[in-house]
N, C-alpha and C. Protein backbone atom coordinates (compact mmCIF):
# COMPACT_ATOMS: atom_id res chain seq x y z
N MET A 1 6.97 73.19 -171.31
CA MET A 1 6.23 72.29 -172.36
C MET A 1 5.64 73.09 -173.31
N SER A 2 6.06 73.14 -174.77
CA SER A 2 5.43 73.84 -175.70
C SER A 2 3.96 73.17 -176.34
N ARG A 3 3.33 73.79 -176.75
CA ARG A 3 2.01 73.46 -177.39
C ARG A 3 2.36 73.16 -178.84
N ARG A 4 1.66 71.93 -179.09
CA ARG A 4 2.02 71.42 -180.64
C ARG A 4 0.90 71.91 -181.59
N ARG A 5 1.42 72.61 -182.56
CA ARG A 5 0.50 72.91 -183.64
C ARG A 5 -0.38 72.04 -184.46
N VAL A 6 -1.41 72.43 -184.82
CA VAL A 6 -2.36 71.46 -185.57
C VAL A 6 -1.82 71.41 -187.19
N LYS A 7 -1.54 70.23 -187.58
CA LYS A 7 -1.30 70.03 -188.92
C LYS A 7 -2.54 70.09 -189.77
N GLN A 8 -2.10 70.77 -191.10
CA GLN A 8 -3.02 70.94 -192.16
C GLN A 8 -4.02 69.72 -192.50
N ASP A 9 -3.41 68.44 -192.53
CA ASP A 9 -4.07 67.41 -192.98
C ASP A 9 -5.19 66.87 -191.63
N GLU A 10 -4.72 67.32 -190.41
CA GLU A 10 -5.59 67.21 -189.02
C GLU A 10 -6.75 68.28 -189.42
N LEU A 11 -6.37 69.29 -189.57
CA LEU A 11 -7.59 70.39 -189.88
C LEU A 11 -8.42 69.78 -190.71
N ASP A 12 -8.01 69.44 -191.90
CA ASP A 12 -8.98 68.97 -192.95
C ASP A 12 -9.95 67.79 -192.86
N LEU A 13 -9.30 66.80 -191.97
CA LEU A 13 -10.12 65.66 -191.73
C LEU A 13 -11.06 66.22 -190.57
N TRP A 14 -10.72 67.33 -189.70
CA TRP A 14 -11.82 67.68 -188.66
C TRP A 14 -12.88 68.44 -189.38
N ASN A 15 -12.54 69.31 -190.48
CA ASN A 15 -13.39 70.02 -191.11
C ASN A 15 -14.38 69.04 -191.73
N GLN A 16 -13.94 67.91 -192.23
CA GLN A 16 -14.95 67.18 -193.34
C GLN A 16 -15.82 66.17 -191.98
N VAL A 17 -15.22 65.92 -191.02
CA VAL A 17 -16.08 65.22 -190.00
C VAL A 17 -17.10 66.32 -189.30
N ALA A 18 -17.05 67.61 -189.27
CA ALA A 18 -17.62 68.45 -188.87
C ALA A 18 -18.97 68.84 -189.50
N SER A 19 -18.41 68.75 -190.91
CA SER A 19 -19.72 68.96 -192.12
C SER A 19 -20.58 67.92 -192.02
N THR A 20 -20.53 66.76 -191.48
CA THR A 20 -21.38 65.76 -191.55
C THR A 20 -22.39 65.66 -190.30
N THR A 21 -22.09 66.71 -189.26
CA THR A 21 -22.75 66.57 -188.04
C THR A 21 -24.01 67.70 -188.19
N GLU A 22 -24.94 67.19 -187.44
CA GLU A 22 -26.06 68.29 -187.27
C GLU A 22 -26.08 68.86 -185.77
N ARG A 23 -26.41 70.23 -185.54
CA ARG A 23 -26.74 70.74 -184.58
C ARG A 23 -27.52 70.11 -183.50
N LEU A 24 -27.41 69.93 -182.28
CA LEU A 24 -28.44 69.01 -181.52
C LEU A 24 -29.35 70.32 -180.92
N ALA A 25 -30.81 70.18 -180.65
CA ALA A 25 -31.77 71.13 -180.61
C ALA A 25 -31.64 71.16 -178.84
N LEU A 26 -31.49 72.18 -178.33
CA LEU A 26 -31.45 72.33 -176.82
C LEU A 26 -32.60 71.91 -176.48
N PRO A 27 -32.64 70.94 -175.16
CA PRO A 27 -34.10 70.56 -174.67
C PRO A 27 -34.86 71.81 -173.98
N ARG A 28 -36.01 71.58 -174.36
CA ARG A 28 -36.97 72.93 -173.79
C ARG A 28 -37.27 72.78 -172.56
N ARG A 29 -37.25 73.61 -171.62
CA ARG A 29 -37.73 73.66 -170.40
C ARG A 29 -39.09 73.89 -170.19
N SER A 30 -39.53 73.28 -169.15
CA SER A 30 -40.94 73.49 -168.99
C SER A 30 -41.27 74.95 -168.38
N LEU A 31 -42.40 75.49 -168.81
CA LEU A 31 -42.93 76.77 -168.08
C LEU A 31 -42.90 76.86 -166.56
N ILE A 32 -43.11 75.75 -166.13
CA ILE A 32 -43.02 76.08 -164.35
C ILE A 32 -41.62 76.20 -163.80
N VAL A 33 -40.58 75.64 -164.48
CA VAL A 33 -39.30 75.98 -164.28
C VAL A 33 -38.90 77.29 -164.50
N ASP A 34 -39.03 77.58 -165.71
CA ASP A 34 -38.58 78.88 -166.48
C ASP A 34 -39.26 80.17 -165.51
N ALA A 35 -40.49 80.32 -165.15
CA ALA A 35 -40.85 81.59 -164.64
C ALA A 35 -40.32 81.82 -163.53
N PRO A 36 -39.99 80.89 -162.38
CA PRO A 36 -39.08 81.48 -161.04
C PRO A 36 -37.64 82.03 -161.67
N LEU A 37 -37.09 81.24 -162.52
CA LEU A 37 -35.84 81.74 -163.20
C LEU A 37 -35.82 82.91 -163.63
N GLN A 38 -37.05 83.42 -164.54
CA GLN A 38 -37.10 84.49 -165.22
C GLN A 38 -36.98 85.58 -164.11
N GLU A 39 -38.09 85.37 -163.08
CA GLU A 39 -38.34 86.30 -162.05
C GLU A 39 -36.91 86.62 -161.32
N ALA A 40 -36.21 85.56 -160.86
CA ALA A 40 -35.04 85.79 -160.40
C ALA A 40 -33.98 86.70 -161.00
N ALA A 41 -34.13 86.61 -162.33
CA ALA A 41 -33.25 87.15 -163.27
C ALA A 41 -33.64 88.53 -163.43
N LYS A 42 -34.86 88.87 -163.24
CA LYS A 42 -35.45 90.27 -163.29
C LYS A 42 -34.73 91.00 -162.00
N LYS A 43 -34.94 90.36 -161.01
CA LYS A 43 -34.52 90.97 -159.61
C LYS A 43 -32.98 91.43 -159.81
N ARG A 44 -32.21 90.51 -160.17
CA ARG A 44 -30.99 90.79 -160.28
C ARG A 44 -30.39 91.58 -161.28
N GLU A 45 -30.09 92.88 -160.86
CA GLU A 45 -29.89 93.81 -162.06
C GLU A 45 -28.49 93.54 -162.32
N ALA A 46 -28.09 93.74 -163.56
CA ALA A 46 -26.58 93.68 -163.73
C ALA A 46 -26.10 95.00 -163.61
N ARG A 47 -25.09 94.94 -162.98
CA ARG A 47 -24.27 96.46 -162.56
C ARG A 47 -23.31 96.42 -163.85
N PRO A 48 -23.24 97.73 -164.54
CA PRO A 48 -22.31 97.78 -165.49
C PRO A 48 -21.03 97.81 -165.00
N ILE A 49 -19.98 97.29 -165.67
CA ILE A 49 -18.45 97.31 -165.43
C ILE A 49 -17.82 98.39 -165.82
N ALA A 50 -17.40 99.12 -164.96
CA ALA A 50 -16.59 100.48 -164.98
C ALA A 50 -15.21 100.25 -165.81
N PRO A 51 -15.08 101.18 -166.79
CA PRO A 51 -14.06 101.05 -167.73
C PRO A 51 -12.88 100.92 -167.00
N PHE A 52 -11.94 100.26 -167.54
CA PHE A 52 -10.62 100.13 -166.97
C PHE A 52 -9.49 99.52 -168.10
N THR A 53 -8.31 99.77 -167.52
CA THR A 53 -7.10 99.62 -168.18
C THR A 53 -6.21 98.16 -167.76
N LEU A 54 -5.92 97.46 -168.50
CA LEU A 54 -5.20 96.16 -168.03
C LEU A 54 -3.92 96.53 -167.13
N GLY A 55 -3.81 96.20 -166.00
CA GLY A 55 -2.36 96.32 -165.23
C GLY A 55 -2.64 97.63 -164.18
N ALA A 56 -3.83 98.36 -164.40
CA ALA A 56 -4.10 99.54 -163.50
C ALA A 56 -4.57 99.11 -162.05
N LEU A 57 -4.39 99.91 -161.21
CA LEU A 57 -4.94 99.45 -159.80
C LEU A 57 -6.39 99.68 -159.48
N PRO A 58 -7.07 99.18 -158.53
CA PRO A 58 -8.58 99.43 -158.92
C PRO A 58 -8.63 100.75 -158.28
N THR A 59 -9.50 101.37 -158.43
CA THR A 59 -9.82 102.83 -157.89
C THR A 59 -10.46 102.86 -156.70
N SER A 60 -11.27 101.72 -156.40
CA SER A 60 -12.15 101.52 -155.27
C SER A 60 -12.10 100.32 -154.64
N THR A 61 -11.64 99.94 -153.65
CA THR A 61 -11.58 98.59 -152.98
C THR A 61 -12.88 98.36 -152.13
N ARG A 62 -13.48 99.19 -151.74
CA ARG A 62 -14.40 99.46 -150.75
C ARG A 62 -15.83 98.40 -151.51
N GLU A 63 -15.85 98.40 -152.65
CA GLU A 63 -16.84 97.87 -153.35
C GLU A 63 -16.63 96.47 -153.60
N MET A 64 -15.13 95.99 -153.79
CA MET A 64 -14.66 94.80 -154.05
C MET A 64 -14.84 93.66 -152.55
N ARG A 65 -15.06 94.18 -151.44
CA ARG A 65 -15.04 93.70 -150.21
C ARG A 65 -15.98 92.83 -149.92
N ASP A 66 -16.26 91.40 -149.97
CA ASP A 66 -17.31 90.43 -149.88
C ASP A 66 -17.13 89.82 -148.43
N VAL A 67 -15.91 89.70 -148.16
CA VAL A 67 -15.79 88.94 -146.91
C VAL A 67 -15.94 89.82 -145.80
N LEU A 68 -15.96 88.96 -144.59
CA LEU A 68 -15.92 89.83 -142.94
C LEU A 68 -14.53 90.17 -142.93
N PRO A 69 -14.32 91.59 -142.31
CA PRO A 69 -12.83 91.84 -142.17
C PRO A 69 -12.31 91.29 -140.86
N ALA A 70 -11.05 91.42 -141.09
CA ALA A 70 -10.39 90.46 -139.94
C ALA A 70 -10.67 90.94 -138.86
N LEU A 71 -10.56 90.20 -137.63
CA LEU A 71 -11.02 90.46 -136.41
C LEU A 71 -10.32 91.64 -135.72
N SER A 72 -9.04 91.86 -135.83
CA SER A 72 -8.47 93.13 -135.25
C SER A 72 -9.06 94.41 -136.15
N GLU A 73 -9.23 94.37 -137.26
CA GLU A 73 -9.72 95.34 -137.82
C GLU A 73 -11.10 95.71 -137.55
N ARG A 74 -11.91 94.58 -137.15
CA ARG A 74 -13.39 94.68 -136.70
C ARG A 74 -13.39 95.58 -135.14
N LEU A 75 -12.38 95.30 -134.40
CA LEU A 75 -12.20 95.78 -133.21
C LEU A 75 -11.79 97.09 -133.10
N ARG A 76 -10.89 97.45 -134.13
CA ARG A 76 -10.14 98.72 -134.17
C ARG A 76 -11.43 99.65 -134.69
N SER A 77 -12.38 99.20 -135.45
CA SER A 77 -13.48 100.07 -136.15
C SER A 77 -14.74 100.16 -135.13
N ALA A 78 -14.66 99.38 -134.09
CA ALA A 78 -15.69 99.11 -133.25
C ALA A 78 -16.03 100.68 -132.58
N PRO A 79 -17.07 101.42 -132.33
CA PRO A 79 -17.38 102.49 -131.69
C PRO A 79 -16.48 102.69 -130.27
N VAL A 80 -15.86 103.95 -129.98
CA VAL A 80 -15.47 103.61 -128.71
C VAL A 80 -16.36 104.33 -127.65
N LYS A 81 -16.48 103.37 -126.79
CA LYS A 81 -17.71 103.47 -125.88
C LYS A 81 -17.35 104.11 -124.36
N MET A 82 -15.94 104.22 -124.13
CA MET A 82 -15.44 104.57 -122.80
C MET A 82 -14.54 106.04 -123.18
N ASP A 83 -14.43 106.68 -122.20
CA ASP A 83 -13.58 107.76 -122.37
C ASP A 83 -12.63 108.11 -123.32
N ALA A 84 -12.65 109.10 -124.23
CA ALA A 84 -11.75 109.02 -125.30
C ALA A 84 -10.45 109.21 -124.99
N LYS A 85 -10.11 109.74 -124.07
CA LYS A 85 -8.46 110.04 -123.42
C LYS A 85 -8.03 108.79 -123.12
N SER A 86 -9.05 108.36 -122.02
CA SER A 86 -8.38 106.98 -121.63
C SER A 86 -8.30 105.97 -122.62
N TYR A 87 -8.99 105.85 -123.62
CA TYR A 87 -9.05 104.84 -124.74
C TYR A 87 -7.66 105.23 -125.32
N LYS A 88 -7.26 106.34 -125.75
CA LYS A 88 -5.92 106.63 -126.47
C LYS A 88 -4.78 106.26 -125.56
N THR A 89 -5.07 106.54 -124.13
CA THR A 89 -3.91 106.17 -123.40
C THR A 89 -3.77 104.56 -123.06
N MET A 90 -4.95 104.02 -123.21
CA MET A 90 -4.74 102.30 -122.96
C MET A 90 -4.42 101.80 -124.51
N GLN A 91 -4.68 102.27 -125.48
CA GLN A 91 -4.04 101.94 -126.99
C GLN A 91 -2.47 102.14 -127.05
N ARG A 92 -1.92 103.23 -126.33
CA ARG A 92 -0.77 103.28 -126.37
C ARG A 92 0.15 102.42 -125.24
N GLY A 93 -0.59 101.61 -124.51
CA GLY A 93 0.02 100.71 -123.47
C GLY A 93 0.41 101.68 -122.11
N LYS A 94 -0.15 102.64 -121.91
CA LYS A 94 0.28 103.41 -120.92
C LYS A 94 -0.61 103.10 -119.82
N LEU A 95 -1.96 102.63 -119.64
CA LEU A 95 -2.64 102.18 -118.70
C LEU A 95 -2.14 100.88 -118.44
N LYS A 96 -1.84 100.56 -117.00
CA LYS A 96 -1.59 99.43 -116.43
C LYS A 96 -2.99 98.33 -116.09
N PRO A 97 -2.91 97.17 -116.65
CA PRO A 97 -4.21 96.37 -116.22
C PRO A 97 -4.20 96.05 -114.86
N GLU A 98 -5.39 96.10 -114.23
CA GLU A 98 -5.41 95.78 -112.78
C GLU A 98 -5.64 94.18 -112.30
N GLY A 99 -5.49 93.56 -113.60
CA GLY A 99 -5.79 92.23 -113.32
C GLY A 99 -5.57 91.35 -114.79
N ARG A 100 -5.23 90.42 -114.67
CA ARG A 100 -4.89 89.30 -115.89
C ARG A 100 -5.19 88.04 -115.83
N ILE A 101 -5.67 87.29 -116.85
CA ILE A 101 -5.86 85.97 -117.07
C ILE A 101 -5.19 85.39 -118.21
N ASP A 102 -4.50 84.17 -118.14
CA ASP A 102 -3.76 83.53 -119.09
C ASP A 102 -4.60 82.37 -119.49
N LEU A 103 -5.18 82.40 -120.89
CA LEU A 103 -5.74 81.19 -121.26
C LEU A 103 -5.05 80.27 -122.08
N HIS A 104 -3.71 80.47 -122.25
CA HIS A 104 -2.88 79.46 -122.80
C HIS A 104 -3.15 78.00 -122.25
N GLY A 105 -3.26 77.21 -123.38
CA GLY A 105 -3.13 75.84 -122.99
C GLY A 105 -4.38 75.35 -122.33
N MET A 106 -5.45 76.18 -122.43
CA MET A 106 -6.74 75.51 -122.19
C MET A 106 -7.63 75.27 -123.49
N THR A 107 -8.71 74.61 -123.22
CA THR A 107 -9.53 74.08 -124.36
C THR A 107 -10.53 75.19 -124.12
N VAL A 108 -11.45 75.33 -125.24
CA VAL A 108 -12.44 76.21 -125.35
C VAL A 108 -13.60 75.92 -124.17
N ALA A 109 -13.55 74.70 -123.99
CA ALA A 109 -14.56 74.26 -122.90
C ALA A 109 -13.80 74.78 -121.38
N GLN A 110 -12.58 74.57 -121.47
CA GLN A 110 -12.39 75.09 -119.95
C GLN A 110 -11.93 76.63 -119.95
N ALA A 111 -11.91 77.54 -121.24
CA ALA A 111 -11.38 78.82 -121.10
C ALA A 111 -12.70 79.58 -121.07
N HIS A 112 -13.81 79.04 -121.47
CA HIS A 112 -15.33 79.92 -121.35
C HIS A 112 -15.66 80.09 -119.67
N PRO A 113 -15.80 78.99 -119.01
CA PRO A 113 -16.22 79.52 -117.80
C PRO A 113 -15.07 80.23 -116.71
N ALA A 114 -13.80 80.01 -117.08
CA ALA A 114 -12.84 80.51 -116.36
C ALA A 114 -12.83 82.10 -116.67
N LEU A 115 -13.24 82.49 -118.03
CA LEU A 115 -13.28 83.75 -118.56
C LEU A 115 -14.40 84.33 -117.72
N ILE A 116 -15.63 83.80 -117.91
CA ILE A 116 -16.65 84.58 -117.32
C ILE A 116 -16.53 84.67 -115.76
N SER A 117 -16.08 83.51 -114.98
CA SER A 117 -15.79 83.98 -113.57
C SER A 117 -14.38 84.97 -113.46
N PHE A 118 -13.75 85.02 -114.20
CA PHE A 118 -12.84 86.18 -114.10
C PHE A 118 -13.29 87.68 -114.11
N ILE A 119 -14.14 87.96 -115.19
CA ILE A 119 -14.42 89.05 -115.72
C ILE A 119 -15.60 89.48 -114.70
N MET A 120 -16.39 88.56 -114.14
CA MET A 120 -17.35 88.88 -113.16
C MET A 120 -16.80 89.28 -111.76
N THR A 121 -15.58 88.72 -111.54
CA THR A 121 -14.93 88.96 -110.30
C THR A 121 -14.41 90.13 -110.16
N ALA A 122 -13.56 90.35 -111.45
CA ALA A 122 -12.83 91.67 -111.64
C ALA A 122 -13.87 92.77 -111.52
N GLN A 123 -15.02 92.72 -112.24
CA GLN A 123 -15.98 94.04 -111.97
C GLN A 123 -16.48 93.99 -110.42
N ALA A 124 -16.64 93.05 -109.79
CA ALA A 124 -17.27 92.97 -108.32
C ALA A 124 -16.09 93.65 -107.62
N ASN A 125 -14.83 93.37 -107.92
CA ASN A 125 -13.61 94.05 -107.25
C ASN A 125 -13.29 95.37 -107.40
N GLY A 126 -14.14 96.03 -108.51
CA GLY A 126 -13.86 97.19 -108.74
C GLY A 126 -12.89 97.77 -109.91
N LYS A 127 -12.43 96.67 -110.49
CA LYS A 127 -11.40 96.78 -111.29
C LYS A 127 -11.93 97.28 -112.63
N ARG A 128 -11.30 97.93 -113.24
CA ARG A 128 -11.59 98.75 -114.73
C ARG A 128 -11.00 98.15 -115.90
N LEU A 129 -9.83 97.91 -116.00
CA LEU A 129 -8.93 97.45 -117.09
C LEU A 129 -8.26 96.17 -116.88
N VAL A 130 -8.73 94.89 -117.35
CA VAL A 130 -8.04 93.81 -116.94
C VAL A 130 -7.71 93.40 -118.77
N LEU A 131 -6.56 92.56 -118.63
CA LEU A 131 -5.78 91.59 -119.64
C LEU A 131 -6.14 90.32 -119.78
N ILE A 132 -6.71 89.81 -120.97
CA ILE A 132 -6.93 88.51 -121.07
C ILE A 132 -6.16 88.05 -122.26
N ILE A 133 -5.22 87.37 -121.88
CA ILE A 133 -4.10 86.51 -122.70
C ILE A 133 -4.67 85.18 -123.34
N THR A 134 -4.68 85.44 -124.83
CA THR A 134 -5.26 84.22 -125.67
C THR A 134 -4.00 83.43 -126.14
N GLY A 135 -3.18 84.16 -126.91
CA GLY A 135 -2.03 83.71 -127.65
C GLY A 135 -2.46 84.00 -128.97
N LYS A 136 -1.68 83.86 -129.82
CA LYS A 136 -2.09 83.92 -131.33
C LYS A 136 -2.43 82.97 -132.00
N GLY A 137 -2.17 81.66 -131.35
CA GLY A 137 -2.70 80.46 -132.13
C GLY A 137 -1.29 79.82 -132.53
N GLY A 138 -1.12 78.48 -132.64
CA GLY A 138 0.27 77.49 -132.96
C GLY A 138 0.22 77.72 -134.59
N LYS A 139 1.33 77.65 -135.15
CA LYS A 139 1.65 77.66 -136.38
C LYS A 139 1.22 76.06 -137.15
N ARG A 140 0.54 75.96 -138.28
CA ARG A 140 0.55 74.64 -138.57
C ARG A 140 2.01 73.83 -138.89
N GLU A 141 2.92 74.39 -139.13
CA GLU A 141 4.12 73.36 -139.24
C GLU A 141 4.35 72.87 -137.87
N GLU A 142 4.36 73.50 -136.86
CA GLU A 142 4.75 73.05 -135.61
C GLU A 142 3.69 71.84 -134.86
N LEU A 143 2.30 71.93 -135.59
CA LEU A 143 1.62 71.03 -135.10
C LEU A 143 1.56 69.92 -136.04
N GLY A 144 2.06 69.86 -136.97
CA GLY A 144 2.17 68.85 -137.90
C GLY A 144 0.89 68.73 -138.65
N VAL A 145 0.00 69.75 -138.86
CA VAL A 145 -1.20 69.54 -139.77
C VAL A 145 -0.88 69.79 -140.95
N ILE A 146 -1.58 69.02 -141.87
CA ILE A 146 -1.49 69.11 -143.47
C ILE A 146 -2.60 69.79 -143.92
N ALA A 147 -4.13 69.39 -143.42
CA ALA A 147 -5.21 70.12 -143.89
C ALA A 147 -5.39 71.33 -143.38
N PRO A 148 -5.74 72.38 -144.30
CA PRO A 148 -5.77 73.63 -143.89
C PRO A 148 -7.00 74.01 -142.70
N GLN A 149 -6.65 74.39 -141.87
CA GLN A 149 -7.93 74.93 -140.88
C GLN A 149 -7.16 76.09 -139.99
N ARG A 150 -8.21 76.65 -139.67
CA ARG A 150 -8.17 77.97 -138.73
C ARG A 150 -7.61 77.89 -137.65
N MET A 151 -6.39 78.70 -137.09
CA MET A 151 -5.83 78.45 -136.02
C MET A 151 -6.13 79.48 -135.11
N GLY A 152 -5.87 79.39 -133.56
CA GLY A 152 -6.19 80.42 -132.55
C GLY A 152 -7.83 80.64 -132.16
N ALA A 153 -8.20 79.25 -131.62
CA ALA A 153 -9.50 79.23 -131.32
C ALA A 153 -10.04 80.19 -130.37
N LEU A 154 -8.95 80.31 -129.41
CA LEU A 154 -9.62 81.34 -128.23
C LEU A 154 -9.37 82.60 -128.57
N LYS A 155 -8.54 83.09 -129.57
CA LYS A 155 -8.27 84.32 -130.14
C LYS A 155 -9.49 84.99 -130.87
N ARG A 156 -10.25 83.92 -131.59
CA ARG A 156 -11.45 84.31 -132.40
C ARG A 156 -12.58 84.18 -131.17
N GLN A 157 -12.54 83.24 -130.27
CA GLN A 157 -13.68 83.08 -129.45
C GLN A 157 -13.96 84.11 -128.30
N VAL A 158 -13.02 84.46 -127.91
CA VAL A 158 -12.89 85.39 -126.42
C VAL A 158 -13.72 86.88 -127.10
N PRO A 159 -13.45 87.35 -128.06
CA PRO A 159 -14.26 88.80 -128.15
C PRO A 159 -15.97 88.38 -128.48
N ILE A 160 -16.08 87.17 -128.96
CA ILE A 160 -17.56 86.90 -129.09
C ILE A 160 -18.04 86.41 -127.78
N TRP A 161 -17.42 86.13 -126.76
CA TRP A 161 -17.93 85.62 -125.76
C TRP A 161 -17.91 86.93 -124.75
N LEU A 162 -17.23 87.93 -125.10
CA LEU A 162 -17.31 89.04 -124.40
C LEU A 162 -18.69 90.10 -124.47
N THR A 163 -18.97 89.52 -125.72
CA THR A 163 -20.15 90.34 -126.26
C THR A 163 -21.77 89.46 -125.82
N MET A 164 -21.48 88.38 -125.07
CA MET A 164 -22.83 87.59 -124.92
C MET A 164 -22.84 87.67 -123.38
N ALA A 165 -24.18 87.27 -122.88
CA ALA A 165 -24.38 87.43 -121.39
C ALA A 165 -23.76 86.16 -120.89
N PRO A 166 -23.36 86.47 -119.47
CA PRO A 166 -23.68 87.30 -118.51
C PRO A 166 -22.76 88.26 -118.63
N VAL A 167 -21.50 88.40 -119.25
CA VAL A 167 -20.26 89.11 -119.17
C VAL A 167 -20.51 90.52 -120.01
N SER A 168 -21.59 90.48 -120.86
CA SER A 168 -21.61 91.71 -121.82
C SER A 168 -22.20 92.85 -120.83
N SER A 169 -22.93 92.87 -119.78
CA SER A 169 -23.42 93.81 -119.09
C SER A 169 -22.14 94.31 -118.15
N ALA A 170 -20.91 93.53 -118.09
CA ALA A 170 -19.95 93.92 -117.37
C ALA A 170 -18.68 94.52 -118.36
N VAL A 171 -18.94 94.35 -119.70
CA VAL A 171 -17.78 94.70 -120.69
C VAL A 171 -18.12 96.31 -121.27
N LEU A 172 -17.40 97.04 -121.27
CA LEU A 172 -17.73 98.18 -121.81
C LEU A 172 -16.85 98.28 -123.26
N GLN A 173 -15.66 98.03 -123.20
CA GLN A 173 -14.72 98.05 -124.51
C GLN A 173 -13.68 96.96 -124.42
N VAL A 174 -13.53 96.30 -125.93
CA VAL A 174 -12.82 95.33 -125.96
C VAL A 174 -11.72 95.73 -127.09
N THR A 175 -10.43 95.62 -127.09
CA THR A 175 -9.57 95.92 -128.08
C THR A 175 -8.22 95.02 -127.77
N GLU A 176 -7.54 95.10 -129.01
CA GLU A 176 -6.20 94.39 -128.94
C GLU A 176 -5.05 95.09 -128.03
N SER A 177 -4.50 94.42 -127.48
CA SER A 177 -3.59 94.99 -126.54
C SER A 177 -2.38 95.67 -127.04
N HIS A 178 -1.63 96.42 -126.57
CA HIS A 178 -0.58 97.01 -126.98
C HIS A 178 0.58 95.81 -127.19
N ILE A 179 1.71 96.15 -127.71
CA ILE A 179 2.80 95.10 -127.95
C ILE A 179 3.60 94.84 -126.74
N LYS A 180 3.60 95.91 -125.74
CA LYS A 180 4.10 95.43 -124.38
C LYS A 180 3.28 94.61 -123.60
N HIS A 181 2.06 94.44 -123.76
CA HIS A 181 1.22 93.57 -123.15
C HIS A 181 0.67 92.33 -123.89
N GLY A 182 1.07 92.12 -124.91
CA GLY A 182 0.85 90.97 -125.61
C GLY A 182 0.62 91.18 -127.09
N GLY A 183 0.42 92.10 -127.57
CA GLY A 183 0.03 92.57 -129.04
C GLY A 183 -1.43 91.83 -129.37
N ALA A 184 -1.19 91.06 -130.39
CA ALA A 184 -2.39 90.60 -130.80
C ALA A 184 -2.64 89.52 -130.29
N GLY A 185 -1.88 88.87 -129.28
CA GLY A 185 -2.14 87.57 -128.56
C GLY A 185 -2.99 87.69 -127.31
N ALA A 186 -3.22 89.04 -126.98
CA ALA A 186 -4.02 89.58 -125.92
C ALA A 186 -5.02 90.70 -125.98
N TYR A 187 -5.96 91.00 -125.15
CA TYR A 187 -7.03 91.81 -125.27
C TYR A 187 -7.21 92.55 -123.99
N TYR A 188 -7.30 93.83 -124.32
CA TYR A 188 -7.71 94.70 -122.99
C TYR A 188 -9.13 94.85 -123.08
N VAL A 189 -9.69 94.58 -121.87
CA VAL A 189 -11.18 94.50 -121.53
C VAL A 189 -11.40 95.68 -120.63
N TYR A 190 -11.95 96.48 -120.80
CA TYR A 190 -12.41 97.92 -120.08
C TYR A 190 -13.73 97.59 -119.47
N LEU A 191 -13.77 97.60 -118.10
CA LEU A 191 -15.18 96.91 -117.54
C LEU A 191 -15.95 98.50 -116.96
N ARG A 192 -17.31 98.14 -117.17
CA ARG A 192 -18.04 99.26 -116.34
C ARG A 192 -17.94 99.15 -114.78
N ARG A 193 -18.33 100.30 -114.41
CA ARG A 193 -18.13 100.26 -112.88
C ARG A 193 -19.47 99.33 -112.32
N ALA A 194 -18.99 98.57 -111.02
CA ALA A 194 -20.07 97.93 -110.49
C ALA A 194 -21.16 98.53 -109.86
N ARG A 195 -22.37 98.11 -110.21
CA ARG A 195 -23.54 98.93 -109.46
C ARG A 195 -23.78 98.56 -108.16
């Protein structure tokens, strides 16, 4: 659809009407309202915009990140608390999990107590590496969902649960599993030795 150009007679009419109007005075704000706004404006320092050219790639993306990184990225960047050699072996999928729990098909209310029971039992039995299978979450097309919503509730909740009591005292390290053990749909949980 192309834009229509303004005709000269329309422009003349507009200028004639505009010349008969008066500018409205902006309403004056009270001093009580202006004081907090002025203080807030003083606190916010305007950062100068770095010089750029149109079409150029950004020089630094670190400044642009306002949102929380993805869960997999947060797990990868978490500090390694276990033996570094064992950690690398585990990341390559060379360590065989001593136990596993599959949370597929469970609701959040069913999975939470099952996970706590599994972790505490595994630590009591002296197991060190366990596998928790959560799945990646269904696709929206498969579920027939129209409204946007986040998928994979268990995938997001399990790492959070593992940092909360009572299992946080048993868990040493949590990472996404190697592709041969489920990849992004499962987590390795390295447990502390039972005392």
